[in-house]
Amino acid sequence: MVDEKQFVLHTWTKQADWNAATIVGGAGAWFWDKQGRRYLDLSSQAECCNLGHQHPAVVRAIQEQAGRLCYISNAWGAQPRAELAQRIVALANQNPESRIQNAEDREHNTERRIHNPEGAIQNPKSKLQTPIYGRVFFTCDGAEATEHAIKIARWVTGRRKIISRYRSYHGATHGALSVSGDARSRGMTDGLRDVARVLPPYCYRCPFGLRYPDCGLRCADHVEAVIRQEGPDSVAALIAEPAAGTNGIAAPPDYWPRLREICDRYGILLIADEVMSGFGRCGAWFAWQAQHTTQAGALPCPDLFTLAKGLTGAHIPLGAICVTERVAACFDARTLETGLTYSGHPLACAAGLAAIEAYDAEGLIARATQLGRWMFERLRAMQRRHACIGDVRGLGLFACVEMTEDTFPQPLPWLKTLARAALQRGVSLAVRGNLMFVCPPLVIEHSDLEWGLSVIDELLP
C-alpha cells in the first residue's frame, strides 16, 4: 500500500509526528486496520460518526442515488435536496413534547429503565405554536456553514459585529476561525474584523470566581455588558455552541435561554453552532431543544443554526444552515449573493435523508438520553475513585471529562500517554489539553461501551 505520510498533509499535527495505522473497514462502533486490529470508537472519530461506521441504510441510499444522479448544480432542482431541507425544517419546528411522546410510544411494551434522564427536555410542555423555521442553505461542511451564517446575519441586520466566546470553535476556514475563541486561531495575522469575544460559561473554573446557581448567571450578564459596550446597533449576531464543543465548555441549562432574551432585547440574531451537538448527540435532535425555556416560557430558538457531522453521520461531507422564516424572507426580493459548487449535492443529500430516517426508525435520539444517563453515572463513579478527574459534564452521549491539572490548551502529558495505552488495548479516545471526550456512536452496544469505560478506568492513575 502507498505510504500516506509521504504524500498527505494531515490536520492539527506536526507532519513528522503523524504515524497512524491505515484503516480499511468499520461497522457500528468498531473500525479496523489493515493488520486486522479492531478499535472501539469512543469519540465517533471527530464527534461525527453518530450512526457508527458503514451504516447499511445510509450506504444503500448513497449507492442508489449514485445510480440515478450523482450531481446537478444548485441552479437546478434535485429531489434529495428538497426532501432533506423539508425534513430539517420539520425537525426544527417539532414540538419537543411530541418527540418525547413518540419515543414513549415506540417503547410502550418496554419497561423504562431510566427515569428523568440527563439531557432530557427540561420543559416538555413548551410548544412551538407556529412554524418558526422555513428554509435551509446547504454547504459542504461545518466551517462553511459558519462562514455563510455570518454573511447572512450581516446582510439581514445591516450590522457588522459578531459576538463570540473565548474557548469556542466554529471551524478552520478563515472566517470561522476568526470568530472562534480557540488558541489555534492565534496564528492568524489578519482575521475577520468586527469580532468581539465574551468569557465562556465555564462553571468548573468560573472566570468570575463564582459558583452556580448562586452566581445569578454572571456569565450571561457579562455577555449583555459586552454588547452594550460594543454598541448594540453595531452587533449583527451572537454565535455560540448550545452544548459542549471541542473546547469542553458545557453551559448551565438556563444560560442559553438568557442569551435568547438578550439577543431579542437588542435585535441581535442568535446563531447556534450545532455542528457537533446536533442529530441526537445531546439527547435531542438539536441541543437548543434540550435547554430550559425562556422566562416567557418559550423555547430558546436560535435565528440560524449550523449543521454538519451527524447530518449524514459523516458518510459524505455535508453542512447546512437552517434559518427562520423571518430571516429567509429577507432574500425573497433580494439576491442571495453567495454560492458553492456543491451546495446541496444530491449524493450527500440522499445520505442525509437516510441518516435522519435511521435516527428516527432506530429510536437513537431517545437512546442517546437513556444510554447517556448510564454513561454519566459510570463516569462520575470513576471521578469519585480517581482524584485526577476534576469534572464530568455534558449531555446525552457527549461527555467531557476534565482533569484537575489545568494545562489547556497545552497537552497534559500523562493523558496523552493514557490515550496511547487505550489504543493499544483497542479503545480509540479523543483527548485535548487536559480534557478527555467520551462521545461514542449512538448505535454503540451497551456492553461495548461498558468495556471501553472499564479500560479507561483501569488506565487512570
Protein backbone atom coordinates (compact mmCIF):
# COMPACT_ATOMS: atom_id res chain seq x y z
CA MET A 1 0.00 0.00 0.00
CA VAL A 2 1.06 3.63 -0.59
CA ASP A 3 2.89 5.34 2.29
CA GLU A 4 0.37 8.04 3.18
CA LYS A 5 2.84 10.02 5.29
CA GLN A 6 4.95 10.63 2.20
CA PHE A 7 2.20 12.33 0.20
CA VAL A 8 -0.54 13.68 2.51
CA LEU A 9 -0.59 16.71 4.81
CA HIS A 10 -2.53 15.80 7.96
CA THR A 11 -4.55 18.24 10.05
CA TRP A 12 -3.76 19.58 13.52
CA THR A 13 -0.42 17.80 13.81
CA LYS A 14 3.29 18.18 13.08
CA GLN A 15 3.80 16.10 9.98
CA ALA A 16 6.87 14.43 11.44
CA ASP A 17 4.77 13.19 14.37
CA TRP A 18 1.98 11.60 12.31
CA ASN A 19 2.18 7.82 12.47
CA ALA A 20 -1.35 6.41 12.35
CA ALA A 21 -2.49 2.99 11.21
CA THR A 22 -4.25 2.62 7.87
CA ILE A 23 -7.93 1.87 8.42
CA VAL A 24 -9.59 -0.40 5.89
CA GLY A 25 -13.07 -1.06 7.30
CA GLY A 26 -15.62 -0.50 10.01
CA ALA A 27 -19.06 -1.48 11.25
CA GLY A 28 -21.13 0.06 14.02
CA ALA A 29 -18.93 1.40 16.79
CA TRP A 30 -15.88 -0.54 15.59
CA PHE A 31 -13.26 0.02 12.89
CA TRP A 32 -10.15 -1.97 11.94
CA ASP A 33 -6.78 -1.52 10.30
CA LYS A 34 -5.00 -3.41 7.52
CA GLN A 35 -3.42 -5.73 10.07
CA GLY A 36 -6.90 -6.71 11.28
CA ARG A 37 -6.64 -4.90 14.63
CA ARG A 38 -10.06 -3.74 15.84
CA TYR A 39 -10.70 -0.46 17.66
CA LEU A 40 -13.75 0.65 19.65
CA ASP A 41 -14.60 4.19 18.59
CA LEU A 42 -15.37 6.17 21.76
CA SER A 43 -15.05 9.55 20.05
CA SER A 44 -17.12 8.87 16.90
CA GLN A 45 -13.92 9.92 15.11
CA ALA A 46 -14.25 13.74 15.09
CA GLU A 47 -17.55 13.54 17.01
CA CYS A 48 -19.25 12.94 13.68
CA CYS A 49 -19.95 9.22 13.20
CA ASN A 50 -23.20 9.37 15.15
CA LEU A 51 -24.54 6.35 13.24
CA GLY A 52 -21.31 4.44 13.56
CA HIS A 53 -19.31 3.18 10.62
CA GLN A 54 -20.85 1.97 7.37
CA HIS A 55 -24.47 2.21 8.43
CA PRO A 56 -26.14 -0.11 5.91
CA ALA A 57 -29.18 2.10 5.22
CA VAL A 58 -27.02 5.16 4.53
CA VAL A 59 -24.59 3.19 2.37
CA ARG A 60 -27.52 1.76 0.41
CA ALA A 61 -29.02 5.21 -0.12
CA ILE A 62 -25.69 6.51 -1.45
CA GLN A 63 -25.41 3.59 -3.85
CA GLU A 64 -28.96 4.01 -5.11
CA GLN A 65 -28.61 7.77 -5.60
CA ALA A 66 -25.29 7.28 -7.39
CA GLY A 67 -27.09 5.05 -9.84
CA ARG A 68 -29.67 7.78 -10.57
CA LEU A 69 -27.88 11.14 -10.38
CA CYS A 70 -24.61 11.96 -8.67
CA TYR A 71 -24.60 15.71 -9.26
CA ILE A 72 -26.59 18.65 -10.54
CA SER A 73 -25.80 22.24 -9.61
CA ASN A 74 -27.84 24.31 -7.17
CA ALA A 75 -29.19 26.28 -10.15
CA TRP A 76 -31.38 23.23 -10.86
CA GLY A 77 -33.74 21.35 -8.61
CA ALA A 78 -32.87 17.99 -7.08
CA GLN A 79 -35.36 15.86 -5.18
CA PRO A 80 -32.98 14.69 -2.42
CA ARG A 81 -32.06 18.32 -1.72
CA ALA A 82 -35.67 19.42 -1.46
CA GLU A 83 -36.67 16.48 0.72
CA LEU A 84 -33.73 16.88 3.10
CA ALA A 85 -34.39 20.59 3.56
CA GLN A 86 -38.03 19.79 4.29
CA ARG A 87 -37.02 17.20 6.90
CA ILE A 88 -34.57 19.54 8.64
CA VAL A 89 -37.19 22.29 8.82
CA ALA A 90 -39.76 19.83 10.20
CA LEU A 91 -37.35 18.64 12.89
CA ALA A 92 -36.52 22.21 13.86
CA ASN A 93 -40.23 23.09 14.13
CA GLN A 94 -41.05 19.90 16.02
CA ASN A 95 -42.71 20.19 19.40
CA PRO A 96 -40.36 18.54 21.92
CA GLU A 97 -43.40 17.16 23.74
CA SER A 98 -44.28 15.24 20.57
CA ARG A 99 -40.71 13.95 20.30
CA ILE A 100 -40.85 12.57 23.82
CA GLN A 101 -44.32 11.11 23.28
CA ASN A 102 -43.24 9.43 20.04
CA ALA A 103 -40.27 7.87 21.79
CA GLU A 104 -42.52 6.60 24.56
CA ASP A 105 -44.97 5.18 22.03
CA ARG A 106 -42.15 3.21 20.39
CA GLU A 107 -41.21 1.74 23.75
CA HIS A 108 -44.66 1.23 25.29
CA ASN A 109 -44.05 -2.50 25.59
CA THR A 110 -40.65 -1.99 27.19
CA GLU A 111 -40.19 -1.10 30.84
CA ARG A 112 -38.39 2.25 31.04
CA ARG A 113 -35.20 1.53 32.91
CA ILE A 114 -34.20 5.16 33.38
CA HIS A 115 -36.46 7.99 34.54
CA ASN A 116 -35.84 11.74 34.17
CA PRO A 117 -32.67 11.06 32.17
CA GLU A 118 -29.83 13.52 31.96
CA GLY A 119 -30.18 15.64 28.87
CA ALA A 120 -33.99 15.32 28.70
CA ILE A 121 -36.03 18.28 27.50
CA GLN A 122 -36.37 20.49 30.55
CA ASN A 123 -39.92 21.64 29.90
CA PRO A 124 -41.81 19.18 27.66
CA LYS A 125 -44.98 21.30 27.87
CA SER A 126 -43.36 24.05 25.82
CA LYS A 127 -44.72 24.22 22.30
CA LEU A 128 -43.85 25.90 19.04
CA GLN A 129 -47.27 27.44 18.36
CA THR A 130 -46.47 28.27 14.74
CA PRO A 131 -43.66 27.18 12.44
CA ILE A 132 -40.56 29.25 13.10
CA TYR A 133 -38.08 27.76 10.65
CA GLY A 134 -38.56 27.92 6.92
CA ARG A 135 -35.52 27.26 4.75
CA VAL A 136 -32.10 25.63 4.56
CA PHE A 137 -28.88 26.68 2.87
CA PHE A 138 -26.55 23.76 2.17
CA THR A 139 -22.78 23.84 2.43
CA CYS A 140 -20.03 21.22 2.26
CA ASP A 141 -19.10 21.21 5.96
CA GLY A 142 -19.50 22.97 9.28
CA ALA A 143 -16.86 25.63 8.72
CA GLU A 144 -18.57 26.76 5.51
CA ALA A 145 -21.87 26.81 7.38
CA THR A 146 -20.32 29.22 9.90
CA GLU A 147 -18.96 31.40 7.10
CA HIS A 148 -22.36 31.70 5.47
CA ALA A 149 -24.23 32.18 8.75
CA ILE A 150 -22.02 35.20 9.42
CA LYS A 151 -22.65 36.60 5.94
CA ILE A 152 -26.40 36.07 6.22
CA ALA A 153 -26.53 37.72 9.66
CA ARG A 154 -24.67 40.76 8.37
CA TRP A 155 -26.88 41.05 5.30
CA VAL A 156 -30.13 40.68 7.23
CA THR A 157 -29.28 43.13 10.01
CA GLY A 158 -27.16 45.62 8.11
CA ARG A 159 -24.70 45.41 11.01
CA ARG A 160 -21.11 44.16 11.08
CA LYS A 161 -20.05 42.96 14.53
CA ILE A 162 -20.14 39.33 15.60
CA ILE A 163 -20.02 38.37 19.29
CA SER A 164 -18.43 35.00 20.04
CA ARG A 165 -16.97 33.28 23.09
CA TYR A 166 -13.47 32.57 24.22
CA ARG A 167 -12.81 28.81 24.22
CA SER A 168 -15.19 28.24 21.32
CA TYR A 169 -14.59 26.60 17.97
CA HIS A 170 -16.61 27.14 14.81
CA GLY A 171 -14.38 25.75 12.04
CA ALA A 172 -10.93 26.07 10.48
CA THR A 173 -11.67 28.33 7.50
CA HIS A 174 -10.52 31.93 7.71
CA GLY A 175 -13.78 33.50 8.83
CA ALA A 176 -14.88 30.60 11.04
CA LEU A 177 -11.57 30.55 12.87
CA SER A 178 -11.75 34.34 13.24
CA VAL A 179 -14.92 34.06 15.32
CA SER A 180 -13.60 31.07 17.24
CA GLY A 181 -12.14 31.79 20.64
CA ASP A 182 -9.69 28.97 20.11
CA ALA A 183 -5.97 29.03 20.82
CA ARG A 184 -5.37 27.66 17.32
CA SER A 185 -6.61 30.96 15.85
CA ARG A 186 -3.73 32.93 17.36
CA GLY A 187 -1.51 32.21 14.40
CA MET A 188 -3.75 34.21 12.04
CA THR A 189 -2.39 37.68 11.46
CA ASP A 190 -5.41 39.04 9.58
CA GLY A 191 -8.70 37.55 10.68
CA LEU A 192 -12.19 38.96 10.21
CA ARG A 193 -12.69 42.45 11.54
CA ASP A 194 -15.56 43.47 13.82
CA VAL A 195 -15.41 40.44 16.12
CA ALA A 196 -15.73 40.77 19.90
CA ARG A 197 -15.43 37.91 22.38
CA VAL A 198 -17.01 37.21 25.74
CA LEU A 199 -15.93 34.94 28.59
CA PRO A 200 -17.42 31.44 28.49
CA PRO A 201 -19.98 29.88 30.88
CA TYR A 202 -17.26 27.76 32.48
CA CYS A 203 -18.70 26.60 35.77
CA TYR A 204 -15.83 24.31 36.80
CA ARG A 205 -13.26 27.10 36.57
CA CYS A 206 -15.55 30.12 36.66
CA PRO A 207 -13.73 33.19 35.30
CA PHE A 208 -15.77 35.30 37.74
CA GLY A 209 -14.84 33.18 40.77
CA LEU A 210 -18.49 32.30 41.47
CA ARG A 211 -20.49 29.09 41.86
CA TYR A 212 -23.64 28.09 40.01
CA PRO A 213 -26.54 28.62 40.69
CA ASP A 214 -25.77 31.26 43.34
CA CYS A 215 -23.89 33.24 40.68
CA GLY A 216 -27.13 34.51 39.12
CA LEU A 217 -25.60 33.66 35.71
CA ARG A 218 -22.98 36.39 35.85
CA CYS A 219 -21.59 34.95 32.59
CA ALA A 220 -24.83 35.89 30.79
CA ASP A 221 -24.85 39.36 32.36
CA HIS A 222 -21.29 39.71 31.07
CA VAL A 223 -22.48 38.99 27.52
CA GLU A 224 -25.03 41.79 27.76
CA ALA A 225 -22.43 44.15 29.19
CA VAL A 226 -20.07 43.50 26.26
CA ILE A 227 -22.90 44.05 23.77
CA ARG A 228 -23.72 47.38 25.40
CA GLN A 229 -20.04 48.34 25.40
CA GLU A 230 -19.65 47.45 21.72
CA GLY A 231 -22.88 49.26 20.83
CA PRO A 232 -25.98 47.12 20.26
CA ASP A 233 -26.77 48.87 16.98
CA SER A 234 -23.48 47.60 15.56
CA VAL A 235 -23.89 43.93 16.54
CA ALA A 236 -25.28 41.60 13.88
CA ALA A 237 -25.16 38.28 15.69
CA LEU A 238 -24.04 36.27 18.67
CA ILE A 239 -22.66 32.82 17.80
CA ALA A 240 -22.32 30.09 20.41
CA GLU A 241 -22.45 26.33 20.91
CA PRO A 242 -25.60 25.38 22.88
CA ALA A 243 -23.79 22.36 24.36
CA ALA A 244 -20.22 21.23 24.85
CA GLY A 245 -17.91 21.59 21.89
CA THR A 246 -14.32 20.76 21.14
CA ASN A 247 -13.21 23.01 23.98
CA GLY A 248 -15.31 21.18 26.55
CA ILE A 249 -17.48 24.04 27.81
CA ALA A 250 -20.96 22.91 28.89
CA ALA A 251 -23.13 25.83 29.95
CA PRO A 252 -25.74 25.72 32.75
CA PRO A 253 -29.20 24.82 31.40
CA ASP A 254 -30.62 28.32 31.86
CA TYR A 255 -27.71 30.08 30.12
CA TRP A 256 -28.90 29.56 26.53
CA PRO A 257 -32.42 30.94 27.21
CA ARG A 258 -30.78 34.03 28.73
CA LEU A 259 -28.79 34.51 25.52
CA ARG A 260 -32.04 34.33 23.57
CA GLU A 261 -33.61 37.02 25.75
CA ILE A 262 -30.54 39.27 25.49
CA CYS A 263 -30.47 38.99 21.70
CA ASP A 264 -34.19 39.77 21.49
CA ARG A 265 -33.67 42.84 23.67
CA TYR A 266 -31.20 44.36 21.22
CA GLY A 267 -32.41 43.00 17.88
CA ILE A 268 -29.38 40.73 17.53
CA LEU A 269 -29.53 37.41 15.68
CA LEU A 270 -28.65 34.30 17.69
CA ILE A 271 -26.62 31.67 15.81
CA ALA A 272 -26.41 28.19 17.34
CA ASP A 273 -23.46 26.06 16.28
CA GLU A 274 -25.00 22.57 16.20
CA VAL A 275 -22.27 21.02 14.05
CA MET A 276 -21.06 18.78 16.87
CA SER A 277 -24.11 18.71 19.14
CA GLY A 278 -26.84 18.10 16.57
CA PHE A 279 -28.65 14.93 15.47
CA GLY A 280 -29.10 13.17 18.77
CA ARG A 281 -25.66 13.67 20.25
CA CYS A 282 -27.15 15.56 23.21
CA GLY A 283 -30.38 13.58 23.53
CA ALA A 284 -32.45 15.83 21.24
CA TRP A 285 -32.43 16.42 17.51
CA PHE A 286 -30.67 19.71 18.23
CA ALA A 287 -29.08 20.74 21.52
CA TRP A 288 -31.00 24.02 21.71
CA GLN A 289 -34.17 21.94 22.01
CA ALA A 290 -32.77 20.39 25.20
CA GLN A 291 -32.41 23.69 27.05
CA HIS A 292 -34.66 25.36 29.61
CA THR A 293 -37.34 27.69 28.29
CA THR A 294 -37.04 31.46 28.48
CA GLN A 295 -38.75 33.46 31.23
CA ALA A 296 -41.71 33.86 28.90
CA GLY A 297 -42.00 30.07 28.64
CA ALA A 298 -40.86 29.91 25.02
CA LEU A 299 -38.28 27.59 23.55
CA PRO A 300 -34.96 29.44 23.09
CA CYS A 301 -34.97 29.04 19.31
CA PRO A 302 -31.94 30.47 17.50
CA ASP A 303 -32.44 32.59 14.40
CA LEU A 304 -29.96 30.45 12.48
CA PHE A 305 -28.29 27.19 13.37
CA THR A 306 -25.45 25.42 11.63
CA LEU A 307 -25.25 21.69 10.96
CA ALA A 308 -22.78 19.12 9.62
CA LYS A 309 -21.13 15.96 11.02
CA GLY A 310 -24.16 13.98 12.24
CA LEU A 311 -26.26 15.32 9.35
CA THR A 312 -25.02 12.39 7.26
CA GLY A 313 -23.35 10.52 10.10
CA ALA A 314 -20.10 11.53 8.32
CA HIS A 315 -20.74 9.10 5.46
CA ILE A 316 -20.45 12.00 2.98
CA PRO A 317 -19.41 15.63 3.69
CA LEU A 318 -22.44 17.92 4.06
CA GLY A 319 -23.22 21.06 6.04
CA ALA A 320 -26.27 23.28 6.34
CA ILE A 321 -27.77 26.37 7.90
CA CYS A 322 -31.40 26.29 8.97
CA VAL A 323 -32.96 29.75 9.20
CA THR A 324 -36.21 31.18 10.46
CA GLU A 325 -38.98 32.28 8.12
CA ARG A 326 -38.17 35.87 9.06
CA VAL A 327 -34.52 35.51 8.02
CA ALA A 328 -35.39 33.60 4.85
CA ALA A 329 -37.94 36.24 3.81
CA CYS A 330 -35.15 38.82 3.57
CA PHE A 331 -33.99 37.09 0.38
CA ASP A 332 -37.34 36.78 -1.34
CA ALA A 333 -36.77 40.02 -3.25
CA ARG A 334 -33.03 40.32 -2.62
CA THR A 335 -30.33 38.28 -4.31
CA LEU A 336 -28.57 35.77 -2.08
CA GLU A 337 -25.10 36.79 -3.17
CA THR A 338 -23.19 33.65 -2.39
CA GLY A 339 -22.83 30.15 -3.71
CA LEU A 340 -20.96 26.86 -3.58
CA THR A 341 -20.42 24.43 -6.42
CA TYR A 342 -21.51 21.54 -4.20
CA SER A 343 -24.34 23.28 -2.33
CA GLY A 344 -26.99 20.62 -1.79
CA HIS A 345 -25.03 17.90 -3.60
CA PRO A 346 -27.66 15.23 -4.45
CA LEU A 347 -25.47 12.33 -3.34
CA ALA A 348 -24.79 13.96 0.04
CA CYS A 349 -28.44 14.93 0.50
CA ALA A 350 -29.53 11.36 -0.16
CA ALA A 351 -27.15 10.29 2.61
CA GLY A 352 -28.63 12.94 4.90
CA LEU A 353 -32.16 11.72 4.26
CA ALA A 354 -31.17 8.14 5.02
CA ALA A 355 -29.36 9.23 8.17
CA ILE A 356 -32.42 11.06 9.52
CA GLU A 357 -34.57 8.03 8.74
CA ALA A 358 -32.11 5.83 10.65
CA TYR A 359 -32.06 8.11 13.69
CA ASP A 360 -35.85 8.06 13.75
CA ALA A 361 -36.51 4.40 12.90
CA GLU A 362 -33.95 3.10 15.40
CA GLY A 363 -35.03 5.45 18.20
CA LEU A 364 -31.49 6.78 18.53
CA ILE A 365 -32.43 10.22 19.84
CA ALA A 366 -34.13 8.74 22.89
CA ARG A 367 -31.39 6.11 23.18
CA ALA A 368 -28.74 8.82 23.47
CA THR A 369 -30.58 10.17 26.51
CA GLN A 370 -31.06 6.76 28.13
CA LEU A 371 -27.63 5.31 27.47
CA GLY A 372 -26.09 8.70 28.20
CA ARG A 373 -27.59 8.67 31.69
CA TRP A 374 -25.89 5.35 32.40
CA MET A 375 -22.62 6.59 30.87
CA PHE A 376 -22.56 9.69 33.07
CA GLU A 377 -23.24 7.57 36.15
CA ARG A 378 -20.20 5.44 35.29
CA LEU A 379 -18.01 8.45 34.59
CA ARG A 380 -18.97 10.12 37.86
CA ALA A 381 -18.25 6.90 39.72
CA MET A 382 -14.80 6.98 38.11
CA GLN A 383 -14.44 10.59 39.25
CA ARG A 384 -15.03 9.50 42.84
CA ARG A 385 -12.36 6.80 42.51
CA HIS A 386 -9.71 8.86 40.71
CA ALA A 387 -8.56 12.14 42.23
CA CYS A 388 -7.14 13.21 38.85
CA ILE A 389 -10.67 13.81 37.49
CA GLY A 390 -11.91 17.27 38.37
CA ASP A 391 -15.20 17.50 36.49
CA VAL A 392 -17.58 15.45 34.35
CA ARG A 393 -20.07 17.38 32.24
CA GLY A 394 -22.17 17.20 29.10
CA LEU A 395 -25.49 15.94 27.72
CA GLY A 396 -26.68 12.70 26.17
CA LEU A 397 -23.77 10.79 24.68
CA PHE A 398 -21.50 13.84 24.73
CA ALA A 399 -19.25 13.79 27.81
CA CYS A 400 -16.26 15.94 28.66
CA VAL A 401 -14.00 14.69 31.45
CA GLU A 402 -11.70 17.42 32.75
CA MET A 403 -8.60 16.63 34.76
CA THR A 404 -7.65 18.67 37.82
CA GLU A 405 -4.35 19.77 36.26
CA ASP A 406 -5.09 22.89 34.22
CA THR A 407 -2.89 22.73 31.13
CA PHE A 408 -5.48 23.60 28.45
CA PRO A 409 -4.84 24.04 25.58
CA GLN A 410 -1.38 22.57 26.10
CA PRO A 411 -1.31 18.75 26.21
CA LEU A 412 -1.35 17.02 29.57
CA PRO A 413 1.50 14.50 29.06
CA TRP A 414 0.11 11.65 31.15
CA LEU A 415 -3.31 11.99 29.47
CA LYS A 416 -1.73 11.59 26.03
CA THR A 417 0.10 8.54 27.35
CA LEU A 418 -3.22 7.15 28.62
CA ALA A 419 -4.81 7.64 25.19
CA ARG A 420 -1.94 5.76 23.53
CA ALA A 421 -2.23 2.94 26.06
CA ALA A 422 -6.01 2.75 25.46
CA LEU A 423 -5.38 2.50 21.72
CA GLN A 424 -3.05 -0.42 22.34
CA ARG A 425 -5.92 -2.06 24.21
CA GLY A 426 -8.25 -1.40 21.26
CA VAL A 427 -10.06 1.72 22.53
CA SER A 428 -9.90 4.93 20.48
CA LEU A 429 -10.21 8.11 22.58
CA ALA A 430 -10.21 11.84 21.89
CA VAL A 431 -8.07 13.95 24.24
CA ARG A 432 -7.13 17.60 24.04
CA GLY A 433 -5.22 19.56 26.61
CA ASN A 434 -6.45 18.33 29.98
CA LEU A 435 -9.76 17.09 28.53
CA MET A 436 -10.95 13.64 27.55
CA PHE A 437 -14.07 13.35 25.41
CA VAL A 438 -16.33 10.30 25.51
CA CYS A 439 -18.68 10.62 22.54
CA PRO A 440 -19.44 7.14 21.18
CA PRO A 441 -21.67 6.44 18.19
CA LEU A 442 -25.35 6.46 19.15
CA VAL A 443 -25.54 2.85 17.94
CA ILE A 444 -22.86 1.53 20.28
CA GLU A 445 -23.76 -1.66 22.11
CA HIS A 446 -24.19 -1.21 25.86
CA SER A 447 -21.69 -4.00 26.54
CA ASP A 448 -19.09 -2.40 24.26
CA LEU A 449 -19.45 0.96 25.98
CA GLU A 450 -19.14 -0.74 29.36
CA TRP A 451 -15.95 -2.48 28.26
CA GLY A 452 -14.46 0.72 26.80
CA LEU A 453 -15.11 2.65 30.01
CA SER A 454 -13.60 -0.16 32.06
CA VAL A 455 -10.39 0.15 30.04
CA ILE A 456 -10.26 3.88 30.81
CA ASP A 457 -10.98 3.16 34.46
CA GLU A 458 -8.05 0.71 34.65
CA LEU A 459 -5.65 3.15 32.97
CA LEU A 460 -6.48 6.24 35.04
CA PRO A 461 -3.95 7.00 37.79
